[in-house]
Amino acid sequence: MSEVFGARYQELVLLLTGAIPSGDSLEDESFAGYIFSGNLRPARKTPMRTLPDSIKRPDYAESGIPYSERKAKDDRDILTLNDEEIEGMRLTGRVSCRIFFIFRII
């Protein structure tokens, strides 16, 4: 599995095995008195970041309405993938299966 994720494998293991509280949420007064049931804590709210113009935004970025997804659901055409897309789907399935197995999610 480490060959798929390379040097970031250990980082992924830490991410999926449990959150490490940073303490930032404990200083947030909106959570004062709240009793958390596990290790997961809300992140500190940060200012909204802007996206460079070179990155294409999805159709729901401004309105929140995914018009392309709605159109795809109404469309009766069968999606046909090329060889590269099929291999990408297979790789995604293998990686997901391995992650589920390692962390016993299923």
PDB file of N, CA and C in Angstrom:
ATOM      1  N   MET A   1       0.817  -1.189   0.000  1.00  0.00           N
ATOM      2  CA  MET A   1       0.000   0.000   0.000  1.00  0.00           C
ATOM      3  C   MET A   1       0.862   1.254   0.000  1.00  0.00           C
ATOM      4  N   SER A   2       2.008   1.170   0.675  1.00  0.00           N
ATOM      5  CA  SER A   2       2.857   2.356   0.756  1.00  0.00           C
ATOM      6  C   SER A   2       3.355   2.798  -0.610  1.00  0.00           C
ATOM      7  N   GLU A   3       3.455   1.860  -1.564  1.00  0.00           N
ATOM      8  CA  GLU A   3       3.919   2.255  -2.893  1.00  0.00           C
ATOM      9  C   GLU A   3       2.879   3.117  -3.607  1.00  0.00           C
ATOM     10  N   VAL A   4       1.605   2.988  -3.235  1.00  0.00           N
ATOM     11  CA  VAL A   4       0.564   3.812  -3.863  1.00  0.00           C
ATOM     12  C   VAL A   4       0.638   5.241  -3.344  1.00  0.00           C
ATOM     13  N   PHE A   5       0.808   5.396  -2.032  1.00  0.00           N
ATOM     14  CA  PHE A   5       0.800   6.716  -1.433  1.00  0.00           C
ATOM     15  C   PHE A   5       2.188   7.309  -1.234  1.00  0.00           C
ATOM     16  N   GLY A   6       3.212   6.498  -1.387  1.00  0.00           N
ATOM     17  CA  GLY A   6       4.573   6.996  -1.283  1.00  0.00           C
ATOM     18  C   GLY A   6       4.899   7.506   0.106  1.00  0.00           C
ATOM     19  N   ALA A   7       5.554   8.649   0.143  1.00  0.00           N
ATOM     20  CA  ALA A   7       6.050   9.214   1.395  1.00  0.00           C
ATOM     21  C   ALA A   7       4.926   9.670   2.317  1.00  0.00           C
ATOM     22  N   ARG A   8       3.719   9.865   1.798  1.00  0.00           N
ATOM     23  CA  ARG A   8       2.623  10.373   2.624  1.00  0.00           C
ATOM     24  C   ARG A   8       1.809   9.247   3.264  1.00  0.00           C
ATOM     25  N   TYR A   9       2.279   8.010   3.167  1.00  0.00           N
ATOM     26  CA  TYR A   9       1.540   6.867   3.706  1.00  0.00           C
ATOM     27  C   TYR A   9       1.314   7.002   5.209  1.00  0.00           C
ATOM     28  N   GLN A  10       2.368   7.315   5.954  1.00  0.00           N
ATOM     29  CA  GLN A  10       2.227   7.439   7.406  1.00  0.00           C
ATOM     30  C   GLN A  10       1.262   8.561   7.776  1.00  0.00           C
ATOM     31  N   GLU A  11       1.290   9.630   6.998  1.00  0.00           N
ATOM     32  CA  GLU A  11       0.364  10.740   7.226  1.00  0.00           C
ATOM     33  C   GLU A  11      -1.081  10.269   7.030  1.00  0.00           C
ATOM     34  N   LEU A  12      -1.301   9.443   6.007  1.00  0.00           N
ATOM     35  CA  LEU A  12      -2.629   8.890   5.753  1.00  0.00           C
ATOM     36  C   LEU A  12      -3.058   7.976   6.897  1.00  0.00           C
ATOM     37  N   VAL A  13      -2.148   7.172   7.404  1.00  0.00           N
ATOM     38  CA  VAL A  13      -2.460   6.286   8.522  1.00  0.00           C
ATOM     39  C   VAL A  13      -2.918   7.104   9.720  1.00  0.00           C
ATOM     40  N   LEU A  14      -2.197   8.167  10.043  1.00  0.00           N
ATOM     41  CA  LEU A  14      -2.583   9.019  11.167  1.00  0.00           C
ATOM     42  C   LEU A  14      -3.938   9.665  10.932  1.00  0.00           C
ATOM     43  N   LEU A  15      -4.176  10.094   9.712  1.00  0.00           N
ATOM     44  CA  LEU A  15      -5.439  10.747   9.379  1.00  0.00           C
ATOM     45  C   LEU A  15      -6.614   9.798   9.558  1.00  0.00           C
ATOM     46  N   LEU A  16      -6.462   8.556   9.113  1.00  0.00           N
ATOM     47  CA  LEU A  16      -7.576   7.613   9.137  1.00  0.00           C
ATOM     48  C   LEU A  16      -7.741   6.876  10.458  1.00  0.00           C
ATOM     49  N   THR A  17      -6.719   6.839  11.298  1.00  0.00           N
ATOM     50  CA  THR A  17      -6.835   6.108  12.560  1.00  0.00           C
ATOM     51  C   THR A  17      -7.329   6.977  13.701  1.00  0.00           C
ATOM     52  N   GLY A  18      -7.346   8.251  13.555  1.00  0.00           N
ATOM     53  CA  GLY A  18      -7.872   9.101  14.611  1.00  0.00           C
ATOM     54  C   GLY A  18      -7.363  10.511  14.484  1.00  0.00           C
ATOM     55  N   ALA A  19      -8.197  11.419  14.892  1.00  0.00           N
ATOM     56  CA  ALA A  19      -7.829  12.828  14.803  1.00  0.00           C
ATOM     57  C   ALA A  19      -6.975  13.216  15.996  1.00  0.00           C
ATOM     58  N   ILE A  20      -6.080  14.114  15.769  1.00  0.00           N
ATOM     59  CA  ILE A  20      -5.241  14.632  16.839  1.00  0.00           C
ATOM     60  C   ILE A  20      -5.752  16.031  17.166  1.00  0.00           C
ATOM     61  N   PRO A  21      -6.335  16.215  18.350  1.00  0.00           N
ATOM     62  CA  PRO A  21      -6.882  17.532  18.670  1.00  0.00           C
ATOM     63  C   PRO A  21      -5.793  18.590  18.669  1.00  0.00           C
ATOM     64  N   SER A  22      -6.060  19.708  18.027  1.00  0.00           N
ATOM     65  CA  SER A  22      -5.064  20.763  17.938  1.00  0.00           C
ATOM     66  C   SER A  22      -5.188  21.755  19.079  1.00  0.00           C
ATOM     67  N   GLY A  23      -6.318  21.748  19.759  1.00  0.00           N
ATOM     68  CA  GLY A  23      -6.521  22.703  20.834  1.00  0.00           C
ATOM     69  C   GLY A  23      -7.206  23.961  20.362  1.00  0.00           C
ATOM     70  N   ASP A  24      -7.204  24.223  19.047  1.00  0.00           N
ATOM     71  CA  ASP A  24      -7.828  25.431  18.527  1.00  0.00           C
ATOM     72  C   ASP A  24      -9.317  25.479  18.837  1.00  0.00           C
ATOM     73  N   SER A  25     -10.009  24.344  18.715  1.00  0.00           N
ATOM     74  CA  SER A  25     -11.451  24.334  18.933  1.00  0.00           C
ATOM     75  C   SER A  25     -11.786  24.536  20.406  1.00  0.00           C
ATOM     76  N   LEU A  26     -10.864  24.145  21.277  1.00  0.00           N
ATOM     77  CA  LEU A  26     -11.128  24.301  22.696  1.00  0.00           C
ATOM     78  C   LEU A  26     -11.119  25.765  23.104  1.00  0.00           C
ATOM     79  N   GLU A  27     -10.425  26.594  22.340  1.00  0.00           N
ATOM     80  CA  GLU A  27     -10.378  28.021  22.626  1.00  0.00           C
ATOM     81  C   GLU A  27     -11.582  28.751  22.036  1.00  0.00           C
ATOM     82  N   ASP A  28     -12.315  28.089  21.146  1.00  0.00           N
ATOM     83  CA  ASP A  28     -13.470  28.688  20.500  1.00  0.00           C
ATOM     84  C   ASP A  28     -14.628  28.708  21.492  1.00  0.00           C
ATOM     85  N   GLU A  29     -15.139  29.882  21.790  1.00  0.00           N
ATOM     86  CA  GLU A  29     -16.191  30.004  22.793  1.00  0.00           C
ATOM     87  C   GLU A  29     -17.501  29.360  22.360  1.00  0.00           C
ATOM     88  N   SER A  30     -17.700  29.152  21.059  1.00  0.00           N
ATOM     89  CA  SER A  30     -18.953  28.531  20.618  1.00  0.00           C
ATOM     90  C   SER A  30     -19.037  27.072  21.062  1.00  0.00           C
ATOM     91  N   PHE A  31     -17.913  26.473  21.472  1.00  0.00           N
ATOM     92  CA  PHE A  31     -17.915  25.093  21.953  1.00  0.00           C
ATOM     93  C   PHE A  31     -17.708  25.019  23.466  1.00  0.00           C
ATOM     94  N   ALA A  32     -17.775  26.137  24.141  1.00  0.00           N
ATOM     95  CA  ALA A  32     -17.586  26.152  25.590  1.00  0.00           C
ATOM     96  C   ALA A  32     -18.662  25.297  26.252  1.00  0.00           C
ATOM     97  N   GLY A  33     -18.246  24.372  27.094  1.00  0.00           N
ATOM     98  CA  GLY A  33     -19.171  23.513  27.812  1.00  0.00           C
ATOM     99  C   GLY A  33     -19.634  22.290  27.043  1.00  0.00           C
ATOM    100  N   TYR A  34     -19.248  22.184  25.772  1.00  0.00           N
ATOM    101  CA  TYR A  34     -19.671  21.029  24.973  1.00  0.00           C
ATOM    102  C   TYR A  34     -18.821  19.825  25.341  1.00  0.00           C
ATOM    103  N   ILE A  35     -19.457  18.685  25.550  1.00  0.00           N
ATOM    104  CA  ILE A  35     -18.736  17.464  25.901  1.00  0.00           C
ATOM    105  C   ILE A  35     -18.592  16.616  24.645  1.00  0.00           C
ATOM    106  N   PHE A  36     -17.370  16.445  24.190  1.00  0.00           N
ATOM    107  CA  PHE A  36     -17.091  15.652  22.999  1.00  0.00           C
ATOM    108  C   PHE A  36     -17.045  14.176  23.376  1.00  0.00           C
ATOM    109  N   SER A  37     -17.519  13.316  22.474  1.00  0.00           N
ATOM    110  CA  SER A  37     -17.585  11.889  22.781  1.00  0.00           C
ATOM    111  C   SER A  37     -16.370  11.106  22.291  1.00  0.00           C
ATOM    112  N   GLY A  38     -15.497  11.706  21.497  1.00  0.00           N
ATOM    113  CA  GLY A  38     -14.329  11.000  20.976  1.00  0.00           C
ATOM    114  C   GLY A  38     -13.178  11.955  20.754  1.00  0.00           C
ATOM    115  N   ASN A  39     -12.216  11.535  19.917  1.00  0.00           N
ATOM    116  CA  ASN A  39     -11.034  12.350  19.650  1.00  0.00           C
ATOM    117  C   ASN A  39     -11.259  13.434  18.606  1.00  0.00           C
ATOM    118  N   LEU A  40     -12.296  13.288  17.796  1.00  0.00           N
ATOM    119  CA  LEU A  40     -12.524  14.220  16.704  1.00  0.00           C
ATOM    120  C   LEU A  40     -12.983  15.571  17.237  1.00  0.00           C
ATOM    121  N   ARG A  41     -12.348  16.634  16.766  1.00  0.00           N
ATOM    122  CA  ARG A  41     -12.696  17.990  17.178  1.00  0.00           C
ATOM    123  C   ARG A  41     -12.906  18.857  15.948  1.00  0.00           C
ATOM    124  N   PRO A  42     -13.776  19.853  16.051  1.00  0.00           N
ATOM    125  CA  PRO A  42     -13.959  20.756  14.916  1.00  0.00           C
ATOM    126  C   PRO A  42     -12.702  21.580  14.690  1.00  0.00           C
ATOM    127  N   ALA A  43     -12.454  21.893  13.439  1.00  0.00           N
ATOM    128  CA  ALA A  43     -11.277  22.694  13.102  1.00  0.00           C
ATOM    129  C   ALA A  43     -11.560  24.168  13.358  1.00  0.00           C
ATOM    130  N   ARG A  44     -10.499  24.897  13.508  1.00  0.00           N
ATOM    131  CA  ARG A  44     -10.613  26.337  13.683  1.00  0.00           C
ATOM    132  C   ARG A  44     -11.128  26.935  12.379  1.00  0.00           C
ATOM    133  N   LYS A  45     -12.107  27.817  12.467  1.00  0.00           N
ATOM    134  CA  LYS A  45     -12.661  28.445  11.272  1.00  0.00           C
ATOM    135  C   LYS A  45     -11.657  29.464  10.742  1.00  0.00           C
ATOM    136  N   THR A  46     -11.400  29.372   9.459  1.00  0.00           N
ATOM    137  CA  THR A  46     -10.443  30.273   8.821  1.00  0.00           C
ATOM    138  C   THR A  46     -11.152  31.084   7.748  1.00  0.00           C
ATOM    139  N   PRO A  47     -10.555  32.182   7.312  1.00  0.00           N
ATOM    140  CA  PRO A  47     -11.178  32.976   6.250  1.00  0.00           C
ATOM    141  C   PRO A  47     -11.291  32.172   4.956  1.00  0.00           C
ATOM    142  N   MET A  48     -12.305  32.486   4.154  1.00  0.00           N
ATOM    143  CA  MET A  48     -12.494  31.792   2.886  1.00  0.00           C
ATOM    144  C   MET A  48     -11.314  32.082   1.973  1.00  0.00           C
ATOM    145  N   ARG A  49     -10.821  31.031   1.344  1.00  0.00           N
ATOM    146  CA  ARG A  49      -9.712  31.188   0.409  1.00  0.00           C
ATOM    147  C   ARG A  49     -10.253  31.384  -1.000  1.00  0.00           C
ATOM    148  N   THR A  50      -9.482  32.083  -1.808  1.00  0.00           N
ATOM    149  CA  THR A  50      -9.904  32.303  -3.189  1.00  0.00           C
ATOM    150  C   THR A  50      -9.233  31.281  -4.093  1.00  0.00           C
ATOM    151  N   LEU A  51      -9.893  30.989  -5.182  1.00  0.00           N
ATOM    152  CA  LEU A  51      -9.406  30.024  -6.147  1.00  0.00           C
ATOM    153  C   LEU A  51      -8.797  30.775  -7.324  1.00  0.00           C
ATOM    154  N   PRO A  52      -7.606  30.394  -7.776  1.00  0.00           N
ATOM    155  CA  PRO A  52      -7.008  31.076  -8.929  1.00  0.00           C
ATOM    156  C   PRO A  52      -7.910  30.945 -10.157  1.00  0.00           C
ATOM    157  N   ASP A  53      -7.873  31.940 -11.022  1.00  0.00           N
ATOM    158  CA  ASP A  53      -8.694  31.930 -12.231  1.00  0.00           C
ATOM    159  C   ASP A  53      -8.339  30.780 -13.159  1.00  0.00           C
ATOM    160  N   SER A  54      -7.133  30.240 -13.024  1.00  0.00           N
ATOM    161  CA  SER A  54      -6.701  29.148 -13.900  1.00  0.00           C
ATOM    162  C   SER A  54      -7.403  27.822 -13.580  1.00  0.00           C
ATOM    163  N   ILE A  55      -8.032  27.732 -12.411  1.00  0.00           N
ATOM    164  CA  ILE A  55      -8.731  26.511 -12.015  1.00  0.00           C
ATOM    165  C   ILE A  55     -10.212  26.659 -12.329  1.00  0.00           C
ATOM    166  N   LYS A  56     -10.732  25.708 -13.106  1.00  0.00           N
ATOM    167  CA  LYS A  56     -12.138  25.747 -13.502  1.00  0.00           C
ATOM    168  C   LYS A  56     -13.023  25.424 -12.300  1.00  0.00           C
ATOM    169  N   ARG A  57     -14.039  26.230 -12.102  1.00  0.00           N
ATOM    170  CA  ARG A  57     -14.964  26.027 -11.002  1.00  0.00           C
ATOM    171  C   ARG A  57     -16.135  25.148 -11.450  1.00  0.00           C
ATOM    172  N   PRO A  58     -16.639  24.300 -10.554  1.00  0.00           N
ATOM    173  CA  PRO A  58     -17.821  23.512 -10.915  1.00  0.00           C
ATOM    174  C   PRO A  58     -19.045  24.416 -11.013  1.00  0.00           C
ATOM    175  N   ASP A  59     -20.077  23.948 -11.696  1.00  0.00           N
ATOM    176  CA  ASP A  59     -21.252  24.790 -11.903  1.00  0.00           C
ATOM    177  C   ASP A  59     -21.975  25.141 -10.604  1.00  0.00           C
ATOM    178  N   TYR A  60     -21.756  24.391  -9.547  1.00  0.00           N
ATOM    179  CA  TYR A  60     -22.423  24.679  -8.278  1.00  0.00           C
ATOM    180  C   TYR A  60     -21.612  25.605  -7.366  1.00  0.00           C
ATOM    181  N   ALA A  61     -20.466  26.085  -7.837  1.00  0.00           N
ATOM    182  CA  ALA A  61     -19.590  26.901  -6.996  1.00  0.00           C
ATOM    183  C   ALA A  61     -20.262  28.194  -6.543  1.00  0.00           C
ATOM    184  N   GLU A  62     -21.005  28.830  -7.412  1.00  0.00           N
ATOM    185  CA  GLU A  62     -21.634  30.110  -7.063  1.00  0.00           C
ATOM    186  C   GLU A  62     -23.001  29.932  -6.410  1.00  0.00           C
ATOM    187  N   SER A  63     -23.846  29.089  -7.004  1.00  0.00           N
ATOM    188  CA  SER A  63     -25.232  28.991  -6.537  1.00  0.00           C
ATOM    189  C   SER A  63     -25.476  27.829  -5.580  1.00  0.00           C
ATOM    190  N   GLY A  64     -24.603  26.833  -5.607  1.00  0.00           N
ATOM    191  CA  GLY A  64     -24.819  25.645  -4.801  1.00  0.00           C
ATOM    192  C   GLY A  64     -25.696  24.613  -5.489  1.00  0.00           C
ATOM    193  N   ILE A  65     -26.156  24.922  -6.707  1.00  0.00           N
ATOM    194  CA  ILE A  65     -27.024  24.008  -7.445  1.00  0.00           C
ATOM    195  C   ILE A  65     -26.199  23.288  -8.510  1.00  0.00           C
ATOM    196  N   PRO A  66     -26.093  21.965  -8.443  1.00  0.00           N
ATOM    197  CA  PRO A  66     -25.291  21.205  -9.415  1.00  0.00           C
ATOM    198  C   PRO A  66     -26.078  20.911 -10.698  1.00  0.00           C
ATOM    199  N   TYR A  67     -26.153  21.893 -11.582  1.00  0.00           N
ATOM    200  CA  TYR A  67     -26.944  21.744 -12.810  1.00  0.00           C
ATOM    201  C   TYR A  67     -26.465  20.573 -13.666  1.00  0.00           C
ATOM    202  N   SER A  68     -25.152  20.386 -13.773  1.00  0.00           N
ATOM    203  CA  SER A  68     -24.634  19.298 -14.613  1.00  0.00           C
ATOM    204  C   SER A  68     -25.011  17.928 -14.044  1.00  0.00           C
ATOM    205  N   GLU A  69     -25.021  17.794 -12.727  1.00  0.00           N
ATOM    206  CA  GLU A  69     -25.421  16.526 -12.121  1.00  0.00           C
ATOM    207  C   GLU A  69     -26.903  16.268 -12.336  1.00  0.00           C
ATOM    208  N   ARG A  70     -27.704  17.316 -12.224  1.00  0.00           N
ATOM    209  CA  ARG A  70     -29.138  17.166 -12.471  1.00  0.00           C
ATOM    210  C   ARG A  70     -29.390  16.738 -13.909  1.00  0.00           C
ATOM    211  N   LYS A  71     -28.656  17.351 -14.842  1.00  0.00           N
ATOM    212  CA  LYS A  71     -28.820  17.010 -16.251  1.00  0.00           C
ATOM    213  C   LYS A  71     -28.400  15.560 -16.490  1.00  0.00           C
ATOM    214  N   ALA A  72     -27.310  15.140 -15.848  1.00  0.00           N
ATOM    215  CA  ALA A  72     -26.822  13.770 -16.020  1.00  0.00           C
ATOM    216  C   ALA A  72     -27.837  12.753 -15.504  1.00  0.00           C
ATOM    217  N   LYS A  73     -28.536  13.088 -14.430  1.00  0.00           N
ATOM    218  CA  LYS A  73     -29.549  12.175 -13.895  1.00  0.00           C
ATOM    219  C   LYS A  73     -30.734  12.054 -14.845  1.00  0.00           C
ATOM    220  N   ASP A  74     -31.075  13.162 -15.504  1.00  0.00           N
ATOM    221  CA  ASP A  74     -32.199  13.156 -16.443  1.00  0.00           C
ATOM    222  C   ASP A  74     -31.833  12.495 -17.762  1.00  0.00           C
ATOM    223  N   ASP A  75     -30.547  12.480 -18.062  1.00  0.00           N
ATOM    224  CA  ASP A  75     -30.068  11.910 -19.319  1.00  0.00           C
ATOM    225  C   ASP A  75     -30.204  10.391 -19.286  1.00  0.00           C
ATOM    226  N   ARG A  76     -30.628   9.796 -20.362  1.00  0.00           N
ATOM    227  CA  ARG A  76     -30.792   8.343 -20.416  1.00  0.00           C
ATOM    228  C   ARG A  76     -29.631   7.667 -21.140  1.00  0.00           C
ATOM    229  N   ASP A  77     -28.606   8.441 -21.497  1.00  0.00           N
ATOM    230  CA  ASP A  77     -27.446   7.878 -22.182  1.00  0.00           C
ATOM    231  C   ASP A  77     -26.595   7.075 -21.204  1.00  0.00           C
ATOM    232  N   ILE A  78     -26.026   6.004 -21.676  1.00  0.00           N
ATOM    233  CA  ILE A  78     -25.135   5.181 -20.866  1.00  0.00           C
ATOM    234  C   ILE A  78     -23.725   5.743 -20.990  1.00  0.00           C
ATOM    235  N   LEU A  79     -23.089   5.982 -19.850  1.00  0.00           N
ATOM    236  CA  LEU A  79     -21.733   6.516 -19.829  1.00  0.00           C
ATOM    237  C   LEU A  79     -20.758   5.442 -20.305  1.00  0.00           C
ATOM    238  N   THR A  80     -19.949   5.782 -21.292  1.00  0.00           N
ATOM    239  CA  THR A  80     -18.952   4.860 -21.826  1.00  0.00           C
ATOM    240  C   THR A  80     -17.571   5.416 -21.517  1.00  0.00           C
ATOM    241  N   LEU A  81     -16.758   4.624 -20.828  1.00  0.00           N
ATOM    242  CA  LEU A  81     -15.420   5.055 -20.450  1.00  0.00           C
ATOM    243  C   LEU A  81     -14.395   4.529 -21.443  1.00  0.00           C
ATOM    244  N   ASN A  82     -13.320   5.324 -21.638  1.00  0.00           N
ATOM    245  CA  ASN A  82     -12.224   4.836 -22.480  1.00  0.00           C
ATOM    246  C   ASN A  82     -11.283   3.983 -21.615  1.00  0.00           C
ATOM    247  N   ASP A  83     -10.268   3.411 -22.224  1.00  0.00           N
ATOM    248  CA  ASP A  83      -9.365   2.501 -21.502  1.00  0.00           C
ATOM    249  C   ASP A  83      -8.680   3.170 -20.319  1.00  0.00           C
ATOM    250  N   GLU A  84      -8.257   4.412 -20.492  1.00  0.00           N
ATOM    251  CA  GLU A  84      -7.576   5.135 -19.412  1.00  0.00           C
ATOM    252  C   GLU A  84      -8.534   5.372 -18.241  1.00  0.00           C
ATOM    253  N   GLU A  85      -9.763   5.748 -18.527  1.00  0.00           N
ATOM    254  CA  GLU A  85     -10.752   5.985 -17.476  1.00  0.00           C
ATOM    255  C   GLU A  85     -11.117   4.682 -16.759  1.00  0.00           C
ATOM    256  N   ILE A  86     -11.205   3.597 -17.503  1.00  0.00           N
ATOM    257  CA  ILE A  86     -11.501   2.293 -16.900  1.00  0.00           C
ATOM    258  C   ILE A  86     -10.376   1.888 -15.954  1.00  0.00           C
ATOM    259  N   GLU A  87      -9.136   2.072 -16.373  1.00  0.00           N
ATOM    260  CA  GLU A  87      -8.004   1.733 -15.507  1.00  0.00           C
ATOM    261  C   GLU A  87      -7.999   2.614 -14.263  1.00  0.00           C
ATOM    262  N   GLY A  88      -8.361   3.886 -14.412  1.00  0.00           N
ATOM    263  CA  GLY A  88      -8.461   4.780 -13.257  1.00  0.00           C
ATOM    264  C   GLY A  88      -9.516   4.313 -12.267  1.00  0.00           C
ATOM    265  N   MET A  89     -10.649   3.844 -12.766  1.00  0.00           N
ATOM    266  CA  MET A  89     -11.709   3.318 -11.902  1.00  0.00           C
ATOM    267  C   MET A  89     -11.239   2.050 -11.184  1.00  0.00           C
ATOM    268  N   ARG A  90     -10.519   1.204 -11.891  1.00  0.00           N
ATOM    269  CA  ARG A  90     -10.002  -0.028 -11.274  1.00  0.00           C
ATOM    270  C   ARG A  90      -9.006   0.295 -10.160  1.00  0.00           C
ATOM    271  N   LEU A  91      -8.111   1.239 -10.436  1.00  0.00           N
ATOM    272  CA  LEU A  91      -7.130   1.640  -9.424  1.00  0.00           C
ATOM    273  C   LEU A  91      -7.833   2.228  -8.205  1.00  0.00           C
ATOM    274  N   THR A  92      -8.820   3.068  -8.436  1.00  0.00           N
ATOM    275  CA  THR A  92      -9.581   3.656  -7.336  1.00  0.00           C
ATOM    276  C   THR A  92     -10.227   2.569  -6.488  1.00  0.00           C
ATOM    277  N   GLY A  93     -10.799   1.575  -7.130  1.00  0.00           N
ATOM    278  CA  GLY A  93     -11.421   0.465  -6.408  1.00  0.00           C
ATOM    279  C   GLY A  93     -10.421  -0.326  -5.593  1.00  0.00           C
ATOM    280  N   ARG A  94      -9.247  -0.603  -6.181  1.00  0.00           N
ATOM    281  CA  ARG A  94      -8.217  -1.363  -5.459  1.00  0.00           C
ATOM    282  C   ARG A  94      -7.715  -0.590  -4.247  1.00  0.00           C
ATOM    283  N   VAL A  95      -7.446   0.693  -4.433  1.00  0.00           N
ATOM    284  CA  VAL A  95      -6.943   1.513  -3.325  1.00  0.00           C
ATOM    285  C   VAL A  95      -7.996   1.612  -2.228  1.00  0.00           C
ATOM    286  N   SER A  96      -9.250   1.864  -2.597  1.00  0.00           N
ATOM    287  CA  SER A  96     -10.328   1.969  -1.608  1.00  0.00           C
ATOM    288  C   SER A  96     -10.496   0.672  -0.835  1.00  0.00           C
ATOM    289  N   CYS A  97     -10.479  -0.436  -1.541  1.00  0.00           N
ATOM    290  CA  CYS A  97     -10.630  -1.744  -0.902  1.00  0.00           C
ATOM    291  C   CYS A  97      -9.503  -1.977   0.099  1.00  0.00           C
ATOM    292  N   ARG A  98      -8.301  -1.630  -0.293  1.00  0.00           N
ATOM    293  CA  ARG A  98      -7.144  -1.823   0.586  1.00  0.00           C
ATOM    294  C   ARG A  98      -7.256  -0.946   1.835  1.00  0.00           C
ATOM    295  N   ILE A  99      -7.685   0.299   1.658  1.00  0.00           N
ATOM    296  CA  ILE A  99      -7.858   1.207   2.803  1.00  0.00           C
ATOM    297  C   ILE A  99      -8.920   0.648   3.745  1.00  0.00           C
ATOM    298  N   PHE A 100     -10.045   0.189   3.191  1.00  0.00           N
ATOM    299  CA  PHE A 100     -11.092  -0.398   4.025  1.00  0.00           C
ATOM    300  C   PHE A 100     -10.563  -1.612   4.782  1.00  0.00           C
ATOM    301  N   PHE A 101      -9.770  -2.435   4.109  1.00  0.00           N
ATOM    302  CA  PHE A 101      -9.219  -3.628   4.739  1.00  0.00           C
ATOM    303  C   PHE A 101      -8.244  -3.251   5.853  1.00  0.00           C
ATOM    304  N   ILE A 102      -7.340  -2.320   5.576  1.00  0.00           N
ATOM    305  CA  ILE A 102      -6.331  -1.924   6.561  1.00  0.00           C
ATOM    306  C   ILE A 102      -6.979  -1.353   7.813  1.00  0.00           C
ATOM    307  N   PHE A 103      -7.963  -0.499   7.627  1.00  0.00           N
ATOM    308  CA  PHE A 103      -8.561   0.183   8.768  1.00  0.00           C
ATOM    309  C   PHE A 103      -9.868  -0.460   9.216  1.00  0.00           C
ATOM    310  N   ARG A 104     -10.184  -1.613   8.647  1.00  0.00           N
ATOM    311  CA  ARG A 104     -11.360  -2.396   9.024  1.00  0.00           C
ATOM    312  C   ARG A 104     -12.622  -1.546   9.071  1.00  0.00           C
ATOM    313  N   ILE A 105     -12.812  -0.768   8.016  1.00  0.00           N
ATOM    314  CA  ILE A 105     -13.974   0.113   7.931  1.00  0.00           C
ATOM    315  C   ILE A 105     -15.229  -0.695   7.635  1.00  0.00           C
ATOM    316  N   ILE A 106     -15.091  -1.753   6.854  1.00  0.00           N
ATOM    317  CA  ILE A 106     -16.271  -2.562   6.508  1.00  0.00           C
ATOM    318  C   ILE A 106     -16.380  -3.717   7.480  1.00  0.00           C
TER     319      ILE A 106
END
